[in-house]
Amino acid sequence: MKTHKQKKDPLGLSWIGAGMIFLFNPMINILDILPDFIGLLMIMHGLSKAAQVTDHLGDARDYFAKLALVSAVQFGLVFTLPFNTDSYTMLMAFSCAVVSAIFFVPAMSNLFAGFSYIALRAGAKSPSVVPSRGALRGKSTRFSSVTALQLLTYVAFIIRAAGSVLPLVPSIFVSDYVGVPGVNWAQYIGVLYAASWVVGFAVSIPWLLRFRRYIKGMCVDTVLTDFLWQKYAQEILPNKGYLAARKMRPVLILAIIACGLCFSMYIDFVNILPNLFAAAFLIAVFVNFKKDYKKQAIWGISLCVLLGVCSIFTEIWLFDYTGGVNNYTPASFALGVKRALSMYPKIIISSWVEALLGIAAFALCLYILRQVILSHIHAFAGRFYRTQEQAVSEISRLESGIQKRMLFAAIAGVIALLLGGAYSTIAPWAPEIWILNGAAVGVFTYGMYRIYAYINENLYLRILRNY
């Protein structure tokens, strides 16, 4: 039985307006106080149903997914800033701004185009105009142009991107020349950032308020929501194979990314790619399975949370043990320079606990993936064959193939995570162990990719093509 909230917004479109809150705040180089990828995941969730029945919204969701990946990488790059120069910071900020623009502009363009197309088909008024606050409450009939909102969206994004890059420009100029007094322009970076924030908020706050009214107008427009829901209920919900294929492909991609993020990248014996990121992507995988595998998904999420917490403590202790960036000396890790007798055992224990938690989390992830994929094989693989013998043979072949690939990925994952845990113990005498860890993580990631490629080519793509 649906709740009142589900009946009011059966498609979840309100998630789009909520997700945009994470995109309005200005940035300091690549440092984003409200991480964009969280808001982008919320937007994707809000588009999940509507994107199934409209190509424009489907394209928008795909672009938002790519933008979320860029944002996640950008979030990870923040941890490399203390180890690099101002030029590196500006290069990363500029690169992230350009790549984000490549995906953001078509994402928003398809979003507006998709809702406008639906308005024409359904005879709905809401996607064609932006209601005022009073209009939403039924107190007035004031509306503004969607074209103006679309233009304001692009302007807000450009100002936000420029505000993250331009204040860094003075840091790359040499201010003093031999025998010629100069001005140290770098001292004005803080002032430039303050100015960029003022300008950014002056544009982004009006944009956010208008955009949220735009989304709210659609949520209360029963003509629009009923039209979309009927198409979704009649065309999508009855096709269980299509829903399974559409859901599992991104879930497997998230699992592949989680495998790759197990790689430990050490600079001055401090890991700048902690397992916290792998845990975050694993949580996303488990959340997708919460409906059908509630107990296992809750256990998986709990393991990932413990893995993330343990990863944070490991990084804090490593950083403290080596004396930090400014006090680091090559011999400090091997000999100990900062409460070594108490800190180093903590690091070793934390690293091994982290490795064991990672093994448990990935093992549970592979177990659930195995159960889901096998159920899909039994439910859908036989439909592509005319005779029972052909169907049974194909199901047997797919079962055998997926079992072998799962076993390969599991073994590679155990080796990779154990090598990651062994770093803190062996690194003082053999720091090159990170190369073995990187190679093992590469094999682990490849193993998970083989699972995705095999089942996608042999089952999910065939379902989508037939649909």
Protein backbone atom coordinates (compact mmCIF):
# COMPACT_ATOMS: atom_id res chain seq x y z
CA MET A 1 0.00 0.00 0.00
CA LYS A 2 1.42 3.38 -0.98
CA THR A 3 1.88 6.10 1.56
CA HIS A 4 0.48 9.62 1.15
CA LYS A 5 3.93 10.85 0.13
CA GLN A 6 4.24 8.22 -2.59
CA LYS A 7 0.83 9.13 -4.01
CA LYS A 8 1.70 12.81 -4.00
CA ASP A 9 5.00 12.25 -5.83
CA PRO A 10 4.89 8.71 -7.28
CA LEU A 11 7.86 9.34 -9.56
CA GLY A 12 10.15 10.88 -6.95
CA LEU A 13 10.71 14.07 -8.96
CA SER A 14 11.15 16.08 -5.75
CA TRP A 15 14.57 14.41 -5.36
CA ILE A 16 15.77 16.49 -8.32
CA GLY A 17 15.11 19.78 -6.53
CA ALA A 18 16.66 18.44 -3.32
CA GLY A 19 19.77 17.27 -5.17
CA MET A 20 20.32 20.68 -6.74
CA ILE A 21 20.98 22.11 -3.26
CA PHE A 22 24.40 20.44 -3.41
CA LEU A 23 25.24 22.23 -6.67
CA PHE A 24 24.59 25.84 -5.72
CA ASN A 25 27.44 26.58 -3.29
CA PRO A 26 30.67 28.22 -4.61
CA MET A 27 33.93 26.27 -4.38
CA ILE A 28 37.49 26.86 -3.19
CA ASN A 29 39.60 25.45 -6.05
CA ILE A 30 38.44 21.78 -6.07
CA LEU A 31 37.25 21.83 -2.46
CA ASP A 32 33.47 21.54 -2.39
CA ILE A 33 31.85 22.00 1.03
CA LEU A 34 28.65 20.31 -0.20
CA PRO A 35 29.98 17.38 -2.32
CA ASP A 36 28.34 17.51 -5.73
CA PHE A 37 28.26 13.74 -6.20
CA ILE A 38 25.79 13.37 -3.31
CA GLY A 39 23.38 15.79 -4.95
CA LEU A 40 23.92 14.20 -8.36
CA LEU A 41 23.01 10.78 -6.97
CA MET A 42 19.82 12.30 -5.57
CA ILE A 43 19.04 13.82 -8.98
CA MET A 44 19.62 10.46 -10.67
CA HIS A 45 17.27 8.85 -8.17
CA GLY A 46 14.63 11.46 -8.95
CA LEU A 47 14.98 10.74 -12.67
CA SER A 48 15.08 6.95 -12.32
CA LYS A 49 11.43 6.33 -13.28
CA ALA A 50 10.79 9.22 -15.66
CA ALA A 51 14.02 8.44 -17.53
CA GLN A 52 12.63 5.03 -18.48
CA VAL A 53 9.81 6.49 -20.56
CA THR A 54 11.45 9.57 -22.13
CA ASP A 55 14.69 9.50 -24.11
CA HIS A 56 15.70 13.07 -23.22
CA LEU A 57 15.46 12.37 -19.50
CA GLY A 58 17.30 9.10 -20.00
CA ASP A 59 20.15 10.99 -21.66
CA ALA A 60 20.07 13.55 -18.84
CA ARG A 61 20.39 10.80 -16.26
CA ASP A 62 23.37 9.30 -18.12
CA TYR A 63 25.14 12.66 -18.20
CA PHE A 64 24.43 13.21 -14.51
CA ALA A 65 25.94 9.78 -13.81
CA LYS A 66 29.14 10.76 -15.63
CA LEU A 67 29.17 14.08 -13.80
CA ALA A 68 28.80 12.24 -10.49
CA LEU A 69 31.86 10.14 -11.33
CA VAL A 70 33.86 13.29 -12.15
CA SER A 71 32.72 14.85 -8.87
CA ALA A 72 33.75 11.75 -6.91
CA VAL A 73 37.22 11.85 -8.51
CA GLN A 74 37.43 15.57 -7.75
CA PHE A 75 36.53 14.85 -4.12
CA GLY A 76 39.38 12.35 -3.97
CA LEU A 77 41.83 14.83 -5.46
CA VAL A 78 41.26 17.14 -2.51
CA PHE A 79 43.40 14.80 -0.40
CA THR A 80 46.36 15.28 -2.77
CA LEU A 81 46.46 19.08 -2.39
CA PRO A 82 48.66 19.21 0.76
CA PHE A 83 51.38 17.33 -1.11
CA ASN A 84 51.51 19.51 -4.23
CA THR A 85 52.15 23.03 -5.51
CA ASP A 86 49.84 25.92 -6.34
CA SER A 87 50.28 25.17 -10.04
CA TYR A 88 49.00 21.63 -9.48
CA THR A 89 45.99 22.99 -7.58
CA MET A 90 45.11 25.38 -10.38
CA LEU A 91 45.57 22.68 -13.04
CA MET A 92 43.23 20.33 -11.18
CA ALA A 93 40.66 23.06 -10.58
CA PHE A 94 40.71 24.10 -14.25
CA SER A 95 40.57 20.50 -15.50
CA CYS A 96 37.67 19.59 -13.23
CA ALA A 97 35.77 22.74 -14.25
CA VAL A 98 36.18 21.97 -17.96
CA VAL A 99 35.27 18.28 -17.69
CA SER A 100 32.28 19.10 -15.49
CA ALA A 101 31.04 21.63 -18.06
CA ILE A 102 31.25 18.98 -20.80
CA PHE A 103 28.71 16.86 -18.92
CA PHE A 104 26.69 19.50 -17.05
CA VAL A 105 25.52 21.50 -20.07
CA PRO A 106 24.02 18.54 -22.02
CA ALA A 107 22.62 17.08 -18.78
CA MET A 108 20.62 20.22 -18.01
CA SER A 109 19.73 20.74 -21.66
CA ASN A 110 18.24 17.24 -21.88
CA LEU A 111 16.50 17.71 -18.53
CA PHE A 112 14.65 20.82 -19.67
CA ALA A 113 13.98 19.37 -23.14
CA GLY A 114 12.61 16.15 -21.64
CA PHE A 115 10.10 17.87 -19.39
CA SER A 116 9.08 20.26 -22.18
CA TYR A 117 8.43 17.30 -24.49
CA ILE A 118 6.33 15.62 -21.81
CA ALA A 119 4.33 18.84 -21.38
CA LEU A 120 3.46 18.81 -25.09
CA ARG A 121 2.35 15.17 -25.02
CA ALA A 122 0.42 15.34 -21.77
CA GLY A 123 -1.05 18.81 -22.20
CA ALA A 124 0.53 19.84 -18.87
CA LYS A 125 1.39 23.45 -18.15
CA SER A 126 3.94 23.11 -15.34
CA PRO A 127 7.11 22.19 -17.28
CA SER A 128 6.53 25.11 -19.64
CA VAL A 129 6.63 27.79 -16.94
CA VAL A 130 8.24 28.50 -13.57
CA PRO A 131 5.56 29.25 -10.96
CA SER A 132 6.02 31.90 -8.30
CA ARG A 133 5.83 30.99 -4.62
CA GLY A 134 2.31 32.34 -4.49
CA ALA A 135 1.27 30.37 -7.55
CA LEU A 136 2.34 27.14 -5.86
CA ARG A 137 0.05 27.99 -2.95
CA GLY A 138 -2.84 28.93 -5.18
CA LYS A 139 -2.72 32.59 -4.16
CA SER A 140 -1.65 34.05 -7.50
CA THR A 141 -1.10 33.18 -11.15
CA ARG A 142 2.35 34.66 -11.64
CA PHE A 143 4.78 32.62 -13.76
CA SER A 144 8.18 33.19 -15.38
CA SER A 145 9.90 31.75 -18.44
CA VAL A 146 11.62 28.36 -18.44
CA THR A 147 14.03 29.68 -21.07
CA ALA A 148 15.17 32.34 -18.62
CA LEU A 149 15.64 29.66 -15.93
CA GLN A 150 17.70 27.55 -18.34
CA LEU A 151 19.92 30.53 -19.18
CA LEU A 152 20.29 31.36 -15.49
CA THR A 153 21.30 27.73 -14.85
CA TYR A 154 24.18 27.94 -17.30
CA VAL A 155 25.25 31.37 -16.01
CA ALA A 156 25.28 30.10 -12.42
CA PHE A 157 27.41 27.12 -13.42
CA ILE A 158 29.90 29.26 -15.38
CA ILE A 159 30.27 31.72 -12.49
CA ARG A 160 30.75 28.85 -10.05
CA ALA A 161 33.42 27.25 -12.26
CA ALA A 162 35.19 30.58 -12.84
CA GLY A 163 35.08 31.34 -9.13
CA SER A 164 36.95 28.12 -8.40
CA VAL A 165 39.75 28.83 -10.90
CA LEU A 166 40.31 32.59 -11.36
CA PRO A 167 41.30 33.40 -7.72
CA LEU A 168 44.23 30.98 -8.16
CA VAL A 169 45.71 32.84 -11.13
CA PRO A 170 47.94 35.17 -9.01
CA SER A 171 49.58 32.15 -7.36
CA ILE A 172 51.32 31.09 -10.58
CA PHE A 173 52.92 34.45 -11.37
CA VAL A 174 56.41 35.41 -10.22
CA SER A 175 55.92 38.66 -8.36
CA ASP A 176 59.53 39.68 -7.68
CA TYR A 177 62.30 40.06 -10.24
CA VAL A 178 65.99 40.49 -9.60
CA GLY A 179 66.70 44.13 -8.78
CA VAL A 180 63.08 45.14 -9.46
CA PRO A 181 60.59 45.42 -6.61
CA GLY A 182 57.30 43.72 -7.32
CA VAL A 183 53.91 43.09 -5.83
CA ASN A 184 53.07 39.77 -4.23
CA TRP A 185 49.68 39.24 -5.88
CA ALA A 186 49.30 35.87 -4.16
CA GLN A 187 48.39 37.66 -0.94
CA TYR A 188 45.12 38.73 -2.55
CA ILE A 189 43.90 35.19 -3.25
CA GLY A 190 41.74 35.21 -0.13
CA VAL A 191 40.13 38.48 -1.17
CA LEU A 192 39.46 37.12 -4.65
CA TYR A 193 37.84 34.01 -3.20
CA ALA A 194 35.63 36.15 -0.97
CA ALA A 195 34.58 38.19 -4.01
CA SER A 196 33.88 35.04 -6.02
CA TRP A 197 31.70 33.69 -3.20
CA VAL A 198 29.70 36.92 -3.04
CA VAL A 199 29.11 36.89 -6.80
CA GLY A 200 28.43 33.15 -6.77
CA PHE A 201 25.78 33.35 -4.06
CA ALA A 202 24.22 36.40 -5.72
CA VAL A 203 23.53 34.29 -8.81
CA SER A 204 23.17 30.75 -7.46
CA ILE A 205 20.63 31.48 -4.70
CA PRO A 206 18.05 33.04 -7.10
CA TRP A 207 18.73 30.18 -9.52
CA LEU A 208 18.19 27.51 -6.84
CA LEU A 209 14.95 29.10 -5.62
CA ARG A 210 13.57 29.31 -9.16
CA PHE A 211 14.66 25.78 -10.07
CA ARG A 212 13.08 24.28 -6.95
CA ARG A 213 9.80 26.06 -7.78
CA TYR A 214 10.09 24.62 -11.29
CA ILE A 215 10.36 21.07 -9.89
CA LYS A 216 7.66 21.65 -7.26
CA GLY A 217 5.32 22.89 -9.98
CA MET A 218 5.69 19.56 -11.79
CA CYS A 219 5.25 17.52 -8.60
CA VAL A 220 1.84 19.11 -7.93
CA ASP A 221 0.72 18.95 -11.57
CA THR A 222 -1.43 15.80 -11.60
CA VAL A 223 -1.80 15.93 -15.38
CA LEU A 224 1.95 15.54 -15.79
CA THR A 225 2.58 13.03 -12.99
CA ASP A 226 -0.41 10.86 -13.94
CA PHE A 227 0.73 10.78 -17.57
CA LEU A 228 4.25 9.75 -16.63
CA TRP A 229 3.12 7.24 -14.02
CA GLN A 230 0.68 5.55 -16.41
CA LYS A 231 3.36 5.14 -19.06
CA TYR A 232 5.78 3.80 -16.46
CA ALA A 233 3.19 1.42 -14.97
CA GLN A 234 1.98 0.15 -18.35
CA GLU A 235 5.25 -0.06 -20.28
CA ILE A 236 8.01 -0.59 -17.71
CA LEU A 237 6.69 -2.28 -14.56
CA PRO A 238 5.32 -5.39 -16.34
CA ASN A 239 8.71 -6.02 -17.97
CA LYS A 240 10.71 -7.46 -15.06
CA GLY A 241 13.65 -8.39 -17.29
CA TYR A 242 14.06 -4.82 -18.50
CA LEU A 243 13.97 -3.47 -14.95
CA ALA A 244 16.53 -6.06 -13.82
CA ALA A 245 18.91 -5.24 -16.69
CA ARG A 246 18.62 -1.49 -16.18
CA LYS A 247 19.28 -1.83 -12.45
CA MET A 248 22.12 -4.34 -12.49
CA ARG A 249 24.34 -2.71 -15.10
CA PRO A 250 25.08 0.45 -13.04
CA VAL A 251 25.29 -1.63 -9.85
CA LEU A 252 28.03 -3.77 -11.38
CA ILE A 253 29.85 -0.64 -12.58
CA LEU A 254 29.77 0.72 -9.02
CA ALA A 255 31.25 -2.58 -7.81
CA ILE A 256 34.04 -2.33 -10.42
CA ILE A 257 34.88 1.20 -9.26
CA ALA A 258 34.92 0.02 -5.63
CA CYS A 259 37.45 -2.67 -6.57
CA GLY A 260 39.73 -0.15 -8.28
CA LEU A 261 39.63 2.18 -5.28
CA CYS A 262 41.21 -0.52 -3.10
CA PHE A 263 44.55 0.54 -4.53
CA SER A 264 46.72 2.16 -1.85
CA MET A 265 48.59 5.16 -3.28
CA TYR A 266 51.22 6.26 -0.77
CA ILE A 267 53.04 9.61 -0.80
CA ASP A 268 55.55 10.01 2.02
CA PHE A 269 54.07 6.84 3.52
CA VAL A 270 50.62 8.43 3.82
CA ASN A 271 47.83 6.84 1.76
CA ILE A 272 46.14 9.51 -0.38
CA LEU A 273 43.58 6.95 -1.64
CA PRO A 274 42.20 5.39 1.54
CA ASN A 275 39.66 2.57 1.50
CA LEU A 276 37.07 5.09 2.61
CA PHE A 277 36.27 5.70 -1.07
CA ALA A 278 35.89 2.00 -1.85
CA ALA A 279 33.56 1.71 1.15
CA ALA A 280 31.42 4.59 -0.16
CA PHE A 281 30.87 2.88 -3.52
CA LEU A 282 30.20 -0.46 -1.83
CA ILE A 283 27.52 1.20 0.29
CA ALA A 284 25.85 2.36 -2.94
CA VAL A 285 25.89 -1.26 -4.16
CA PHE A 286 24.34 -2.59 -0.95
CA VAL A 287 21.67 0.13 -0.94
CA ASN A 288 20.49 -1.10 -4.33
CA PHE A 289 19.95 -4.57 -2.87
CA LYS A 290 18.26 -3.45 0.33
CA LYS A 291 14.76 -4.17 -0.97
CA ASP A 292 15.31 -7.83 -1.90
CA TYR A 293 18.21 -8.71 0.44
CA LYS A 294 17.49 -6.52 3.42
CA LYS A 295 19.38 -8.48 6.08
CA GLN A 296 22.52 -9.00 3.97
CA ALA A 297 22.43 -5.41 2.71
CA ILE A 298 22.30 -4.03 6.26
CA TRP A 299 25.25 -6.21 7.23
CA GLY A 300 27.12 -5.02 4.16
CA ILE A 301 26.44 -1.35 4.89
CA SER A 302 27.57 -1.86 8.50
CA LEU A 303 30.80 -3.51 7.35
CA CYS A 304 31.45 -0.64 4.93
CA VAL A 305 30.88 1.96 7.64
CA LEU A 306 33.35 0.14 9.91
CA LEU A 307 35.79 -0.09 6.98
CA GLY A 308 35.52 3.65 6.35
CA VAL A 309 36.02 4.53 10.02
CA CYS A 310 38.99 2.19 10.33
CA SER A 311 40.47 3.66 7.14
CA ILE A 312 40.21 7.18 8.58
CA PHE A 313 41.94 6.15 11.82
CA THR A 314 44.71 4.41 9.87
CA GLU A 315 45.37 7.56 7.83
CA ILE A 316 45.39 9.78 10.92
CA TRP A 317 47.88 7.53 12.69
CA LEU A 318 50.08 7.20 9.60
CA PHE A 319 50.17 10.94 9.17
CA ASP A 320 50.98 11.45 12.84
CA TYR A 321 53.61 8.70 12.86
CA THR A 322 55.58 10.10 9.94
CA GLY A 323 55.61 13.56 11.51
CA GLY A 324 53.27 15.10 8.96
CA VAL A 325 54.17 16.63 5.61
CA ASN A 326 56.44 19.37 6.95
CA ASN A 327 58.36 17.24 9.44
CA TYR A 328 58.74 14.11 7.36
CA THR A 329 62.17 12.52 6.94
CA PRO A 330 62.91 9.37 4.92
CA ALA A 331 64.08 7.51 8.00
CA SER A 332 61.11 8.44 10.16
CA PHE A 333 58.89 5.58 9.05
CA ALA A 334 61.56 2.93 9.53
CA LEU A 335 62.99 4.19 12.84
CA GLY A 336 60.01 6.04 14.31
CA VAL A 337 60.14 9.68 15.33
CA LYS A 338 56.82 10.45 16.96
CA ARG A 339 55.65 8.20 19.78
CA ALA A 340 56.76 5.26 17.67
CA LEU A 341 56.43 2.64 20.37
CA SER A 342 52.73 3.39 20.80
CA MET A 343 51.79 4.55 17.29
CA TYR A 344 53.31 1.86 15.08
CA PRO A 345 51.46 -1.10 16.69
CA LYS A 346 48.21 0.84 16.28
CA ILE A 347 48.95 1.35 12.59
CA ILE A 348 49.71 -2.34 12.05
CA ILE A 349 46.58 -3.52 13.87
CA SER A 350 44.37 -0.93 12.16
CA SER A 351 45.73 -1.85 8.72
CA TRP A 352 45.05 -5.55 9.21
CA VAL A 353 41.58 -4.91 10.65
CA GLU A 354 40.91 -2.69 7.65
CA ALA A 355 42.03 -5.47 5.30
CA LEU A 356 39.81 -8.06 7.01
CA LEU A 357 36.80 -5.73 7.00
CA GLY A 358 37.39 -5.08 3.30
CA ILE A 359 37.55 -8.82 2.57
CA ALA A 360 34.30 -9.39 4.49
CA ALA A 361 32.52 -6.50 2.74
CA PHE A 362 33.59 -7.55 -0.76
CA ALA A 363 32.83 -11.22 -0.02
CA LEU A 364 29.29 -10.31 1.00
CA CYS A 365 28.98 -8.08 -2.07
CA LEU A 366 30.05 -10.92 -4.37
CA TYR A 367 27.67 -13.31 -2.59
CA ILE A 368 24.67 -11.03 -3.14
CA LEU A 369 25.71 -10.34 -6.74
CA ARG A 370 25.96 -14.09 -7.32
CA GLN A 371 22.47 -14.69 -5.91
CA VAL A 372 20.95 -11.87 -7.96
CA ILE A 373 22.66 -12.78 -11.21
CA LEU A 374 21.79 -16.48 -10.88
CA SER A 375 18.15 -15.57 -10.23
CA HIS A 376 18.16 -13.41 -13.37
CA ILE A 377 19.71 -16.22 -15.40
CA HIS A 378 16.99 -18.66 -14.31
CA ALA A 379 14.20 -16.11 -14.82
CA PHE A 380 15.16 -14.55 -18.15
CA ALA A 381 17.84 -16.52 -20.04
CA GLY A 382 15.52 -19.26 -21.24
CA ARG A 383 13.14 -16.84 -22.95
CA PHE A 384 15.42 -16.39 -25.95
CA TYR A 385 15.18 -20.05 -27.08
CA ARG A 386 12.39 -22.02 -28.68
CA THR A 387 13.09 -25.43 -27.17
CA GLN A 388 13.46 -26.47 -23.55
CA GLU A 389 16.76 -28.25 -24.29
CA GLN A 390 18.33 -25.08 -25.68
CA ALA A 391 17.13 -23.05 -22.71
CA VAL A 392 18.50 -25.55 -20.17
CA SER A 393 21.84 -25.70 -21.99
CA GLU A 394 22.15 -21.91 -22.09
CA ILE A 395 21.24 -21.55 -18.41
CA SER A 396 23.85 -24.16 -17.49
CA ARG A 397 26.49 -22.39 -19.60
CA LEU A 398 25.76 -19.00 -18.03
CA GLU A 399 25.78 -20.45 -14.51
CA SER A 400 29.16 -22.11 -15.08
CA GLY A 401 30.65 -18.99 -16.65
CA ILE A 402 29.52 -16.63 -13.89
CA GLN A 403 30.65 -19.04 -11.14
CA LYS A 404 34.19 -19.21 -12.58
CA ARG A 405 34.45 -15.44 -12.89
CA MET A 406 33.11 -14.91 -9.37
CA LEU A 407 35.71 -17.32 -7.97
CA PHE A 408 38.51 -15.58 -9.87
CA ALA A 409 37.43 -12.15 -8.59
CA ALA A 410 37.11 -13.43 -5.01
CA ILE A 411 40.63 -14.91 -4.95
CA ALA A 412 42.14 -11.80 -6.54
CA GLY A 413 40.29 -9.59 -4.05
CA VAL A 414 41.56 -11.49 -1.02
CA ILE A 415 45.15 -11.24 -2.26
CA ALA A 416 44.82 -7.52 -3.09
CA LEU A 417 43.32 -6.57 0.25
CA LEU A 418 45.80 -8.67 2.24
CA LEU A 419 48.68 -6.97 0.41
CA GLY A 420 47.12 -3.61 1.25
CA GLY A 421 46.99 -4.58 4.92
CA ALA A 422 50.55 -5.87 4.86
CA TYR A 423 51.94 -2.51 3.74
CA SER A 424 52.22 -1.06 7.23
CA THR A 425 54.13 -4.14 8.43
CA ILE A 426 56.49 -4.63 5.49
CA ALA A 427 56.93 -1.10 4.09
CA PRO A 428 59.84 -0.08 6.38
CA TRP A 429 61.95 -2.82 4.79
CA ALA A 430 60.23 -3.26 1.40
CA PRO A 431 58.31 -0.11 0.41
CA GLU A 432 57.93 -1.50 -3.12
CA ILE A 433 55.10 -3.68 -1.82
CA TRP A 434 52.68 -1.01 -3.07
CA ILE A 435 53.53 -2.17 -6.61
CA LEU A 436 52.36 -5.71 -5.76
CA ASN A 437 49.25 -4.26 -4.16
CA GLY A 438 48.56 -2.17 -7.27
CA ALA A 439 49.00 -5.19 -9.55
CA ALA A 440 46.69 -7.31 -7.38
CA VAL A 441 44.06 -4.56 -7.27
CA GLY A 442 44.28 -4.32 -11.06
CA VAL A 443 43.63 -8.06 -11.37
CA PHE A 444 40.77 -7.76 -8.85
CA THR A 445 39.19 -4.92 -10.81
CA TYR A 446 39.65 -6.86 -14.04
CA GLY A 447 37.96 -9.87 -12.43
CA MET A 448 34.93 -7.79 -11.48
CA TYR A 449 34.88 -6.30 -14.97
CA ARG A 450 34.85 -9.83 -16.44
CA ILE A 451 31.73 -10.58 -14.41
CA TYR A 452 30.07 -7.42 -15.71
CA ALA A 453 31.13 -7.98 -19.33
CA TYR A 454 30.07 -11.64 -19.35
CA ILE A 455 26.57 -11.24 -17.91
CA ASN A 456 25.98 -7.96 -19.73
CA GLU A 457 26.82 -9.39 -23.13
CA ASN A 458 25.09 -12.74 -22.61
CA LEU A 459 21.95 -11.60 -20.80
CA TYR A 460 21.33 -7.93 -19.99
CA LEU A 461 22.11 -6.50 -23.42
CA ARG A 462 19.94 -9.17 -25.04
CA ILE A 463 17.05 -8.21 -22.76
CA LEU A 464 17.44 -4.52 -23.57
CA ARG A 465 17.74 -5.15 -27.32
CA ASN A 466 14.60 -7.28 -27.33
CA TYR A 467 12.78 -4.61 -25.35
